[in-house]
Amino acid sequence: MGRVVNPSIEIRPEEYTADENRGERWLVTVFNNETNTYEEVITILIIATNCSPEEAWIETWEIDHLGHSVVHVGNEEECCSAAEIIATIGIRVEVTPEL
């Protein structure tokens, strides 16, 4: 299990080894729950990732229908910051290095 910054956020860098072909990009993955509404998720994604309403809607649909969605890609600090914001509404969020 990875380092837990917030009970809803898991950061798992130790599962990956250094690879000269891999950049410093990280992923923010949001998982579905039965608590939050589409409106809540769309709003928090726009706030946390500065995406368009259309992109937030598509990602929210993926979360609902596929069980999860990568909602942001960036450096580790940026992704952890976005994950902290998203987790404020009680959604499970994971931050991992891009493979």
PDB file of N, CA and C in Angstrom:
ATOM      1  N   MET A   1       0.850  -1.176   0.000  1.00  0.00           N
ATOM      2  CA  MET A   1       0.000   0.000   0.000  1.00  0.00           C
ATOM      3  C   MET A   1       0.889   1.230   0.000  1.00  0.00           C
ATOM      4  N   GLY A   2       0.447   2.257  -0.642  1.00  0.00           N
ATOM      5  CA  GLY A   2       1.229   3.480  -0.773  1.00  0.00           C
ATOM      6  C   GLY A   2       1.027   4.447   0.370  1.00  0.00           C
ATOM      7  N   ARG A   3       1.687   5.544   0.263  1.00  0.00           N
ATOM      8  CA  ARG A   3       1.602   6.631   1.242  1.00  0.00           C
ATOM      9  C   ARG A   3       0.224   7.262   1.137  1.00  0.00           C
ATOM     10  N   VAL A   4      -0.418   7.464   2.265  1.00  0.00           N
ATOM     11  CA  VAL A   4      -1.752   8.055   2.276  1.00  0.00           C
ATOM     12  C   VAL A   4      -1.645   9.467   2.826  1.00  0.00           C
ATOM     13  N   VAL A   5      -1.976  10.451   1.980  1.00  0.00           N
ATOM     14  CA  VAL A   5      -1.935  11.856   2.348  1.00  0.00           C
ATOM     15  C   VAL A   5      -3.252  12.244   2.997  1.00  0.00           C
ATOM     16  N   ASN A   6      -4.312  11.752   2.470  1.00  0.00           N
ATOM     17  CA  ASN A   6      -5.677  12.005   2.915  1.00  0.00           C
ATOM     18  C   ASN A   6      -6.340  10.631   2.868  1.00  0.00           C
ATOM     19  N   PRO A   7      -7.248  10.299   3.737  1.00  0.00           N
ATOM     20  CA  PRO A   7      -7.844   8.965   3.697  1.00  0.00           C
ATOM     21  C   PRO A   7      -8.434   8.584   2.346  1.00  0.00           C
ATOM     22  N   SER A   8      -8.799   9.564   1.536  1.00  0.00           N
ATOM     23  CA  SER A   8      -9.382   9.287   0.224  1.00  0.00           C
ATOM     24  C   SER A   8      -8.352   9.276  -0.899  1.00  0.00           C
ATOM     25  N   ILE A   9      -7.091   9.627  -0.591  1.00  0.00           N
ATOM     26  CA  ILE A   9      -6.060   9.724  -1.629  1.00  0.00           C
ATOM     27  C   ILE A   9      -4.933   8.755  -1.337  1.00  0.00           C
ATOM     28  N   GLU A  10      -4.576   7.959  -2.312  1.00  0.00           N
ATOM     29  CA  GLU A  10      -3.459   7.050  -2.161  1.00  0.00           C
ATOM     30  C   GLU A  10      -2.401   7.392  -3.216  1.00  0.00           C
ATOM     31  N   ILE A  11      -1.155   7.552  -2.763  1.00  0.00           N
ATOM     32  CA  ILE A  11      -0.042   7.834  -3.659  1.00  0.00           C
ATOM     33  C   ILE A  11       0.855   6.607  -3.660  1.00  0.00           C
ATOM     34  N   ARG A  12       1.059   5.991  -4.828  1.00  0.00           N
ATOM     35  CA  ARG A  12       1.731   4.713  -4.893  1.00  0.00           C
ATOM     36  C   ARG A  12       2.979   4.717  -5.766  1.00  0.00           C
ATOM     37  N   PRO A  13       4.021   5.478  -5.445  1.00  0.00           N
ATOM     38  CA  PRO A  13       5.212   5.481  -6.300  1.00  0.00           C
ATOM     39  C   PRO A  13       6.067   4.237  -6.166  1.00  0.00           C
ATOM     40  N   GLU A  14       6.017   3.529  -5.024  1.00  0.00           N
ATOM     41  CA  GLU A  14       6.923   2.410  -4.818  1.00  0.00           C
ATOM     42  C   GLU A  14       6.614   1.202  -5.681  1.00  0.00           C
ATOM     43  N   GLU A  15       5.472   1.185  -6.328  1.00  0.00           N
ATOM     44  CA  GLU A  15       5.130   0.069  -7.193  1.00  0.00           C
ATOM     45  C   GLU A  15       5.826   0.158  -8.550  1.00  0.00           C
ATOM     46  N   TYR A  16       6.506   1.240  -8.799  1.00  0.00           N
ATOM     47  CA  TYR A  16       7.104   1.467 -10.094  1.00  0.00           C
ATOM     48  C   TYR A  16       8.609   1.649  -9.923  1.00  0.00           C
ATOM     49  N   THR A  17       9.356   1.179 -10.888  1.00  0.00           N
ATOM     50  CA  THR A  17      10.808   1.338 -10.834  1.00  0.00           C
ATOM     51  C   THR A  17      11.238   2.394 -11.835  1.00  0.00           C
ATOM     52  N   ALA A  18      12.410   2.940 -11.607  1.00  0.00           N
ATOM     53  CA  ALA A  18      12.928   3.970 -12.514  1.00  0.00           C
ATOM     54  C   ALA A  18      13.088   3.393 -13.909  1.00  0.00           C
ATOM     55  N   ASP A  19      12.757   4.150 -14.887  1.00  0.00           N
ATOM     56  CA  ASP A  19      12.851   3.749 -16.283  1.00  0.00           C
ATOM     57  C   ASP A  19      13.249   4.982 -17.069  1.00  0.00           C
ATOM     58  N   GLU A  20      14.360   4.884 -17.790  1.00  0.00           N
ATOM     59  CA  GLU A  20      14.850   6.069 -18.502  1.00  0.00           C
ATOM     60  C   GLU A  20      13.881   6.561 -19.562  1.00  0.00           C
ATOM     61  N   ASN A  21      12.944   5.716 -20.000  1.00  0.00           N
ATOM     62  CA  ASN A  21      11.972   6.132 -21.010  1.00  0.00           C
ATOM     63  C   ASN A  21      10.729   6.787 -20.410  1.00  0.00           C
ATOM     64  N   ARG A  22      10.589   6.728 -19.095  1.00  0.00           N
ATOM     65  CA  ARG A  22       9.414   7.295 -18.453  1.00  0.00           C
ATOM     66  C   ARG A  22       9.708   8.723 -18.033  1.00  0.00           C
ATOM     67  N   GLY A  23       8.780   9.615 -18.275  1.00  0.00           N
ATOM     68  CA  GLY A  23       8.931  11.006 -17.869  1.00  0.00           C
ATOM     69  C   GLY A  23       8.495  11.202 -16.433  1.00  0.00           C
ATOM     70  N   GLU A  24       8.341  12.428 -16.074  1.00  0.00           N
ATOM     71  CA  GLU A  24       7.921  12.779 -14.719  1.00  0.00           C
ATOM     72  C   GLU A  24       6.435  13.075 -14.677  1.00  0.00           C
ATOM     73  N   ARG A  25       5.660  12.353 -15.461  1.00  0.00           N
ATOM     74  CA  ARG A  25       4.221  12.594 -15.491  1.00  0.00           C
ATOM     75  C   ARG A  25       3.514  11.667 -14.514  1.00  0.00           C
ATOM     76  N   TRP A  26       2.525  12.224 -13.826  1.00  0.00           N
ATOM     77  CA  TRP A  26       1.725  11.487 -12.861  1.00  0.00           C
ATOM     78  C   TRP A  26       0.266  11.533 -13.283  1.00  0.00           C
ATOM     79  N   LEU A  27      -0.521  10.590 -12.792  1.00  0.00           N
ATOM     80  CA  LEU A  27      -1.929  10.476 -13.135  1.00  0.00           C
ATOM     81  C   LEU A  27      -2.795  10.634 -11.890  1.00  0.00           C
ATOM     82  N   VAL A  28      -3.914  11.306 -12.047  1.00  0.00           N
ATOM     83  CA  VAL A  28      -4.928  11.390 -10.997  1.00  0.00           C
ATOM     84  C   VAL A  28      -6.111  10.547 -11.470  1.00  0.00           C
ATOM     85  N   THR A  29      -6.414   9.502 -10.718  1.00  0.00           N
ATOM     86  CA  THR A  29      -7.532   8.624 -11.045  1.00  0.00           C
ATOM     87  C   THR A  29      -8.603   8.777  -9.976  1.00  0.00           C
ATOM     88  N   VAL A  30      -9.836   8.961 -10.411  1.00  0.00           N
ATOM     89  CA  VAL A  30     -10.977   9.105  -9.510  1.00  0.00           C
ATOM     90  C   VAL A  30     -11.850   7.860  -9.662  1.00  0.00           C
ATOM     91  N   PHE A  31     -12.337   7.348  -8.526  1.00  0.00           N
ATOM     92  CA  PHE A  31     -13.145   6.134  -8.505  1.00  0.00           C
ATOM     93  C   PHE A  31     -14.596   6.451  -8.167  1.00  0.00           C
ATOM     94  N   ASN A  32     -15.485   5.644  -8.707  1.00  0.00           N
ATOM     95  CA  ASN A  32     -16.915   5.840  -8.526  1.00  0.00           C
ATOM     96  C   ASN A  32     -17.341   5.587  -7.082  1.00  0.00           C
ATOM     97  N   ASN A  33     -18.378   6.270  -6.678  1.00  0.00           N
ATOM     98  CA  ASN A  33     -19.061   5.970  -5.423  1.00  0.00           C
ATOM     99  C   ASN A  33     -20.550   6.191  -5.641  1.00  0.00           C
ATOM    100  N   GLU A  34     -21.326   5.820  -4.680  1.00  0.00           N
ATOM    101  CA  GLU A  34     -22.781   5.970  -4.799  1.00  0.00           C
ATOM    102  C   GLU A  34     -23.279   7.201  -4.050  1.00  0.00           C
ATOM    103  N   THR A  35     -22.378   8.093  -3.672  1.00  0.00           N
ATOM    104  CA  THR A  35     -22.728   9.239  -2.839  1.00  0.00           C
ATOM    105  C   THR A  35     -22.842  10.534  -3.624  1.00  0.00           C
ATOM    106  N   ASN A  36     -21.847  10.833  -4.449  1.00  0.00           N
ATOM    107  CA  ASN A  36     -21.786  12.133  -5.118  1.00  0.00           C
ATOM    108  C   ASN A  36     -22.622  12.177  -6.382  1.00  0.00           C
ATOM    109  N   THR A  37     -23.188  13.359  -6.644  1.00  0.00           N
ATOM    110  CA  THR A  37     -23.976  13.573  -7.854  1.00  0.00           C
ATOM    111  C   THR A  37     -23.059  13.950  -9.017  1.00  0.00           C
ATOM    112  N   TYR A  38     -23.587  13.860 -10.225  1.00  0.00           N
ATOM    113  CA  TYR A  38     -22.839  14.305 -11.397  1.00  0.00           C
ATOM    114  C   TYR A  38     -22.421  15.762 -11.230  1.00  0.00           C
ATOM    115  N   GLU A  39     -23.339  16.590 -10.772  1.00  0.00           N
ATOM    116  CA  GLU A  39     -23.053  18.019 -10.629  1.00  0.00           C
ATOM    117  C   GLU A  39     -21.886  18.264  -9.670  1.00  0.00           C
ATOM    118  N   GLU A  40     -21.868  17.542  -8.549  1.00  0.00           N
ATOM    119  CA  GLU A  40     -20.768  17.684  -7.588  1.00  0.00           C
ATOM    120  C   GLU A  40     -19.432  17.287  -8.200  1.00  0.00           C
ATOM    121  N   VAL A  41     -19.423  16.168  -8.897  1.00  0.00           N
ATOM    122  CA  VAL A  41     -18.175  15.672  -9.486  1.00  0.00           C
ATOM    123  C   VAL A  41     -17.713  16.593 -10.609  1.00  0.00           C
ATOM    124  N   ILE A  42     -18.611  16.992 -11.474  1.00  0.00           N
ATOM    125  CA  ILE A  42     -18.249  17.912 -12.563  1.00  0.00           C
ATOM    126  C   ILE A  42     -17.665  19.202 -11.992  1.00  0.00           C
ATOM    127  N   THR A  43     -18.318  19.757 -11.009  1.00  0.00           N
ATOM    128  CA  THR A  43     -17.859  21.018 -10.417  1.00  0.00           C
ATOM    129  C   THR A  43     -16.474  20.874  -9.806  1.00  0.00           C
ATOM    130  N   ILE A  44     -16.237  19.800  -9.037  1.00  0.00           N
ATOM    131  CA  ILE A  44     -14.939  19.652  -8.372  1.00  0.00           C
ATOM    132  C   ILE A  44     -13.842  19.364  -9.390  1.00  0.00           C
ATOM    133  N   LEU A  45     -14.148  18.657 -10.470  1.00  0.00           N
ATOM    134  CA  LEU A  45     -13.126  18.411 -11.507  1.00  0.00           C
ATOM    135  C   LEU A  45     -12.727  19.703 -12.198  1.00  0.00           C
ATOM    136  N   ILE A  46     -13.694  20.562 -12.472  1.00  0.00           N
ATOM    137  CA  ILE A  46     -13.395  21.855 -13.090  1.00  0.00           C
ATOM    138  C   ILE A  46     -12.506  22.682 -12.159  1.00  0.00           C
ATOM    139  N   ILE A  47     -12.850  22.708 -10.874  1.00  0.00           N
ATOM    140  CA  ILE A  47     -12.067  23.475  -9.900  1.00  0.00           C
ATOM    141  C   ILE A  47     -10.657  22.896  -9.754  1.00  0.00           C
ATOM    142  N   ALA A  48     -10.564  21.582  -9.608  1.00  0.00           N
ATOM    143  CA  ALA A  48      -9.277  20.937  -9.308  1.00  0.00           C
ATOM    144  C   ALA A  48      -8.332  20.863 -10.494  1.00  0.00           C
ATOM    145  N   THR A  49      -8.871  20.675 -11.694  1.00  0.00           N
ATOM    146  CA  THR A  49      -8.007  20.433 -12.858  1.00  0.00           C
ATOM    147  C   THR A  49      -8.069  21.539 -13.905  1.00  0.00           C
ATOM    148  N   ASN A  50      -8.939  22.508 -13.691  1.00  0.00           N
ATOM    149  CA  ASN A  50      -9.094  23.612 -14.636  1.00  0.00           C
ATOM    150  C   ASN A  50      -9.488  23.127 -16.036  1.00  0.00           C
ATOM    151  N   CYS A  51     -10.266  22.047 -16.079  1.00  0.00           N
ATOM    152  CA  CYS A  51     -10.717  21.526 -17.369  1.00  0.00           C
ATOM    153  C   CYS A  51     -12.017  22.210 -17.773  1.00  0.00           C
ATOM    154  N   SER A  52     -12.436  21.964 -18.987  1.00  0.00           N
ATOM    155  CA  SER A  52     -13.693  22.528 -19.474  1.00  0.00           C
ATOM    156  C   SER A  52     -14.866  21.742 -18.881  1.00  0.00           C
ATOM    157  N   PRO A  53     -16.040  22.347 -18.858  1.00  0.00           N
ATOM    158  CA  PRO A  53     -17.228  21.610 -18.404  1.00  0.00           C
ATOM    159  C   PRO A  53     -17.485  20.350 -19.232  1.00  0.00           C
ATOM    160  N   GLU A  54     -17.201  20.411 -20.520  1.00  0.00           N
ATOM    161  CA  GLU A  54     -17.404  19.252 -21.391  1.00  0.00           C
ATOM    162  C   GLU A  54     -16.480  18.106 -20.998  1.00  0.00           C
ATOM    163  N   GLU A  55     -15.195  18.425 -20.749  1.00  0.00           N
ATOM    164  CA  GLU A  55     -14.243  17.390 -20.345  1.00  0.00           C
ATOM    165  C   GLU A  55     -14.639  16.813 -18.986  1.00  0.00           C
ATOM    166  N   ALA A  56     -15.043  17.667 -18.058  1.00  0.00           N
ATOM    167  CA  ALA A  56     -15.461  17.205 -16.729  1.00  0.00           C
ATOM    168  C   ALA A  56     -16.675  16.291 -16.838  1.00  0.00           C
ATOM    169  N   TRP A  57     -17.602  16.602 -17.737  1.00  0.00           N
ATOM    170  CA  TRP A  57     -18.781  15.760 -17.913  1.00  0.00           C
ATOM    171  C   TRP A  57     -18.378  14.384 -18.445  1.00  0.00           C
ATOM    172  N   ILE A  58     -17.498  14.354 -19.437  1.00  0.00           N
ATOM    173  CA  ILE A  58     -17.040  13.078 -20.010  1.00  0.00           C
ATOM    174  C   ILE A  58     -16.339  12.239 -18.945  1.00  0.00           C
ATOM    175  N   GLU A  59     -15.459  12.863 -18.162  1.00  0.00           N
ATOM    176  CA  GLU A  59     -14.745  12.131 -17.113  1.00  0.00           C
ATOM    177  C   GLU A  59     -15.712  11.626 -16.042  1.00  0.00           C
ATOM    178  N   THR A  60     -16.711  12.412 -15.711  1.00  0.00           N
ATOM    179  CA  THR A  60     -17.711  12.003 -14.728  1.00  0.00           C
ATOM    180  C   THR A  60     -18.520  10.823 -15.253  1.00  0.00           C
ATOM    181  N   TRP A  61     -18.867  10.848 -16.531  1.00  0.00           N
ATOM    182  CA  TRP A  61     -19.566   9.719 -17.150  1.00  0.00           C
ATOM    183  C   TRP A  61     -18.703   8.466 -17.065  1.00  0.00           C
ATOM    184  N   GLU A  62     -17.408   8.591 -17.373  1.00  0.00           N
ATOM    185  CA  GLU A  62     -16.499   7.440 -17.293  1.00  0.00           C
ATOM    186  C   GLU A  62     -16.425   6.897 -15.869  1.00  0.00           C
ATOM    187  N   ILE A  63     -16.324   7.802 -14.888  1.00  0.00           N
ATOM    188  CA  ILE A  63     -16.285   7.372 -13.487  1.00  0.00           C
ATOM    189  C   ILE A  63     -17.537   6.572 -13.151  1.00  0.00           C
ATOM    190  N   ASP A  64     -18.693   7.087 -13.553  1.00  0.00           N
ATOM    191  CA  ASP A  64     -19.968   6.442 -13.257  1.00  0.00           C
ATOM    192  C   ASP A  64     -20.130   5.112 -13.985  1.00  0.00           C
ATOM    193  N   HIS A  65     -19.793   5.069 -15.270  1.00  0.00           N
ATOM    194  CA  HIS A  65     -20.053   3.887 -16.081  1.00  0.00           C
ATOM    195  C   HIS A  65     -18.908   2.879 -16.119  1.00  0.00           C
ATOM    196  N   LEU A  66     -17.669   3.337 -15.934  1.00  0.00           N
ATOM    197  CA  LEU A  66     -16.514   2.435 -16.005  1.00  0.00           C
ATOM    198  C   LEU A  66     -15.905   2.154 -14.633  1.00  0.00           C
ATOM    199  N   GLY A  67     -16.343   2.882 -13.618  1.00  0.00           N
ATOM    200  CA  GLY A  67     -15.842   2.664 -12.269  1.00  0.00           C
ATOM    201  C   GLY A  67     -14.691   3.564 -11.868  1.00  0.00           C
ATOM    202  N   HIS A  68     -14.038   4.168 -12.860  1.00  0.00           N
ATOM    203  CA  HIS A  68     -12.928   5.089 -12.586  1.00  0.00           C
ATOM    204  C   HIS A  68     -12.571   5.843 -13.859  1.00  0.00           C
ATOM    205  N   SER A  69     -11.794   6.912 -13.694  1.00  0.00           N
ATOM    206  CA  SER A  69     -11.314   7.675 -14.844  1.00  0.00           C
ATOM    207  C   SER A  69     -10.050   8.430 -14.459  1.00  0.00           C
ATOM    208  N   VAL A  70      -9.095   8.485 -15.382  1.00  0.00           N
ATOM    209  CA  VAL A  70      -7.940   9.361 -15.203  1.00  0.00           C
ATOM    210  C   VAL A  70      -8.442  10.761 -15.539  1.00  0.00           C
ATOM    211  N   VAL A  71      -8.388  11.654 -14.544  1.00  0.00           N
ATOM    212  CA  VAL A  71      -8.956  12.987 -14.725  1.00  0.00           C
ATOM    213  C   VAL A  71      -7.901  14.068 -14.885  1.00  0.00           C
ATOM    214  N   HIS A  72      -6.637  13.716 -14.661  1.00  0.00           N
ATOM    215  CA  HIS A  72      -5.579  14.722 -14.820  1.00  0.00           C
ATOM    216  C   HIS A  72      -4.240  14.035 -14.979  1.00  0.00           C
ATOM    217  N   VAL A  73      -3.378  14.651 -15.772  1.00  0.00           N
ATOM    218  CA  VAL A  73      -1.999  14.207 -15.965  1.00  0.00           C
ATOM    219  C   VAL A  73      -1.110  15.421 -15.779  1.00  0.00           C
ATOM    220  N   GLY A  74      -0.054  15.284 -14.977  1.00  0.00           N
ATOM    221  CA  GLY A  74       0.860  16.400 -14.733  1.00  0.00           C
ATOM    222  C   GLY A  74       2.022  15.952 -13.876  1.00  0.00           C
ATOM    223  N   ASN A  75       2.735  16.910 -13.298  1.00  0.00           N
ATOM    224  CA  ASN A  75       3.827  16.537 -12.402  1.00  0.00           C
ATOM    225  C   ASN A  75       3.239  16.099 -11.063  1.00  0.00           C
ATOM    226  N   GLU A  76       4.080  15.517 -10.210  1.00  0.00           N
ATOM    227  CA  GLU A  76       3.590  14.954  -8.953  1.00  0.00           C
ATOM    228  C   GLU A  76       2.923  16.007  -8.067  1.00  0.00           C
ATOM    229  N   GLU A  77       3.541  17.152  -7.930  1.00  0.00           N
ATOM    230  CA  GLU A  77       2.989  18.209  -7.066  1.00  0.00           C
ATOM    231  C   GLU A  77       1.617  18.670  -7.551  1.00  0.00           C
ATOM    232  N   GLU A  78       1.509  18.895  -8.848  1.00  0.00           N
ATOM    233  CA  GLU A  78       0.244  19.335  -9.451  1.00  0.00           C
ATOM    234  C   GLU A  78      -0.850  18.277  -9.254  1.00  0.00           C
ATOM    235  N   CYS A  79      -0.490  17.009  -9.456  1.00  0.00           N
ATOM    236  CA  CYS A  79      -1.466  15.935  -9.314  1.00  0.00           C
ATOM    237  C   CYS A  79      -1.897  15.755  -7.859  1.00  0.00           C
ATOM    238  N   CYS A  80      -0.965  15.854  -6.933  1.00  0.00           N
ATOM    239  CA  CYS A  80      -1.323  15.747  -5.512  1.00  0.00           C
ATOM    240  C   CYS A  80      -2.239  16.897  -5.100  1.00  0.00           C
ATOM    241  N   SER A  81      -1.970  18.070  -5.616  1.00  0.00           N
ATOM    242  CA  SER A  81      -2.808  19.230  -5.322  1.00  0.00           C
ATOM    243  C   SER A  81      -4.226  19.022  -5.856  1.00  0.00           C
ATOM    244  N   ALA A  82      -4.336  18.570  -7.098  1.00  0.00           N
ATOM    245  CA  ALA A  82      -5.653  18.311  -7.690  1.00  0.00           C
ATOM    246  C   ALA A  82      -6.382  17.224  -6.908  1.00  0.00           C
ATOM    247  N   ALA A  83      -5.665  16.178  -6.521  1.00  0.00           N
ATOM    248  CA  ALA A  83      -6.277  15.073  -5.774  1.00  0.00           C
ATOM    249  C   ALA A  83      -6.798  15.549  -4.420  1.00  0.00           C
ATOM    250  N   GLU A  84      -6.054  16.407  -3.758  1.00  0.00           N
ATOM    251  CA  GLU A  84      -6.496  16.945  -2.460  1.00  0.00           C
ATOM    252  C   GLU A  84      -7.822  17.692  -2.614  1.00  0.00           C
ATOM    253  N   ILE A  85      -7.936  18.476  -3.665  1.00  0.00           N
ATOM    254  CA  ILE A  85      -9.168  19.229  -3.906  1.00  0.00           C
ATOM    255  C   ILE A  85     -10.328  18.281  -4.208  1.00  0.00           C
ATOM    256  N   ILE A  86     -10.094  17.316  -5.068  1.00  0.00           N
ATOM    257  CA  ILE A  86     -11.146  16.366  -5.444  1.00  0.00           C
ATOM    258  C   ILE A  86     -11.621  15.577  -4.228  1.00  0.00           C
ATOM    259  N   ALA A  87     -10.694  15.178  -3.375  1.00  0.00           N
ATOM    260  CA  ALA A  87     -11.032  14.369  -2.197  1.00  0.00           C
ATOM    261  C   ALA A  87     -11.898  15.111  -1.188  1.00  0.00           C
ATOM    262  N   THR A  88     -11.973  16.431  -1.294  1.00  0.00           N
ATOM    263  CA  THR A  88     -12.776  17.193  -0.328  1.00  0.00           C
ATOM    264  C   THR A  88     -14.257  16.851  -0.385  1.00  0.00           C
ATOM    265  N   ILE A  89     -14.713  16.245  -1.489  1.00  0.00           N
ATOM    266  CA  ILE A  89     -16.131  15.866  -1.561  1.00  0.00           C
ATOM    267  C   ILE A  89     -16.334  14.380  -1.272  1.00  0.00           C
ATOM    268  N   GLY A  90     -15.280  13.723  -0.781  1.00  0.00           N
ATOM    269  CA  GLY A  90     -15.416  12.337  -0.344  1.00  0.00           C
ATOM    270  C   GLY A  90     -15.188  11.279  -1.401  1.00  0.00           C
ATOM    271  N   ILE A  91     -14.631  11.652  -2.518  1.00  0.00           N
ATOM    272  CA  ILE A  91     -14.358  10.700  -3.584  1.00  0.00           C
ATOM    273  C   ILE A  91     -12.989  10.067  -3.372  1.00  0.00           C
ATOM    274  N   ARG A  92     -12.861   8.768  -3.632  1.00  0.00           N
ATOM    275  CA  ARG A  92     -11.565   8.090  -3.569  1.00  0.00           C
ATOM    276  C   ARG A  92     -10.739   8.512  -4.773  1.00  0.00           C
ATOM    277  N   VAL A  93      -9.508   8.946  -4.500  1.00  0.00           N
ATOM    278  CA  VAL A  93      -8.613   9.454  -5.539  1.00  0.00           C
ATOM    279  C   VAL A  93      -7.265   8.770  -5.381  1.00  0.00           C
ATOM    280  N   GLU A  94      -6.637   8.439  -6.505  1.00  0.00           N
ATOM    281  CA  GLU A  94      -5.323   7.795  -6.485  1.00  0.00           C
ATOM    282  C   GLU A  94      -4.371   8.600  -7.375  1.00  0.00           C
ATOM    283  N   VAL A  95      -3.138   8.792  -6.905  1.00  0.00           N
ATOM    284  CA  VAL A  95      -2.112   9.486  -7.675  1.00  0.00           C
ATOM    285  C   VAL A  95      -0.985   8.489  -7.922  1.00  0.00           C
ATOM    286  N   THR A  96      -0.671   8.244  -9.200  1.00  0.00           N
ATOM    287  CA  THR A  96       0.362   7.263  -9.554  1.00  0.00           C
ATOM    288  C   THR A  96       1.234   7.805 -10.683  1.00  0.00           C
ATOM    289  N   PRO A  97       2.490   7.334 -10.765  1.00  0.00           N
ATOM    290  CA  PRO A  97       3.320   7.719 -11.912  1.00  0.00           C
ATOM    291  C   PRO A  97       2.755   7.105 -13.194  1.00  0.00           C
ATOM    292  N   GLU A  98       2.915   7.815 -14.288  1.00  0.00           N
ATOM    293  CA  GLU A  98       2.503   7.270 -15.576  1.00  0.00           C
ATOM    294  C   GLU A  98       3.511   6.217 -15.987  1.00  0.00           C
ATOM    295  N   LEU A  99       3.022   5.114 -16.482  1.00  0.00           N
ATOM    296  CA  LEU A  99       3.922   4.033 -16.936  1.00  0.00           C
ATOM    297  C   LEU A  99       4.387   4.285 -18.340  1.00  0.00           C
TER     298      LEU A  99
END
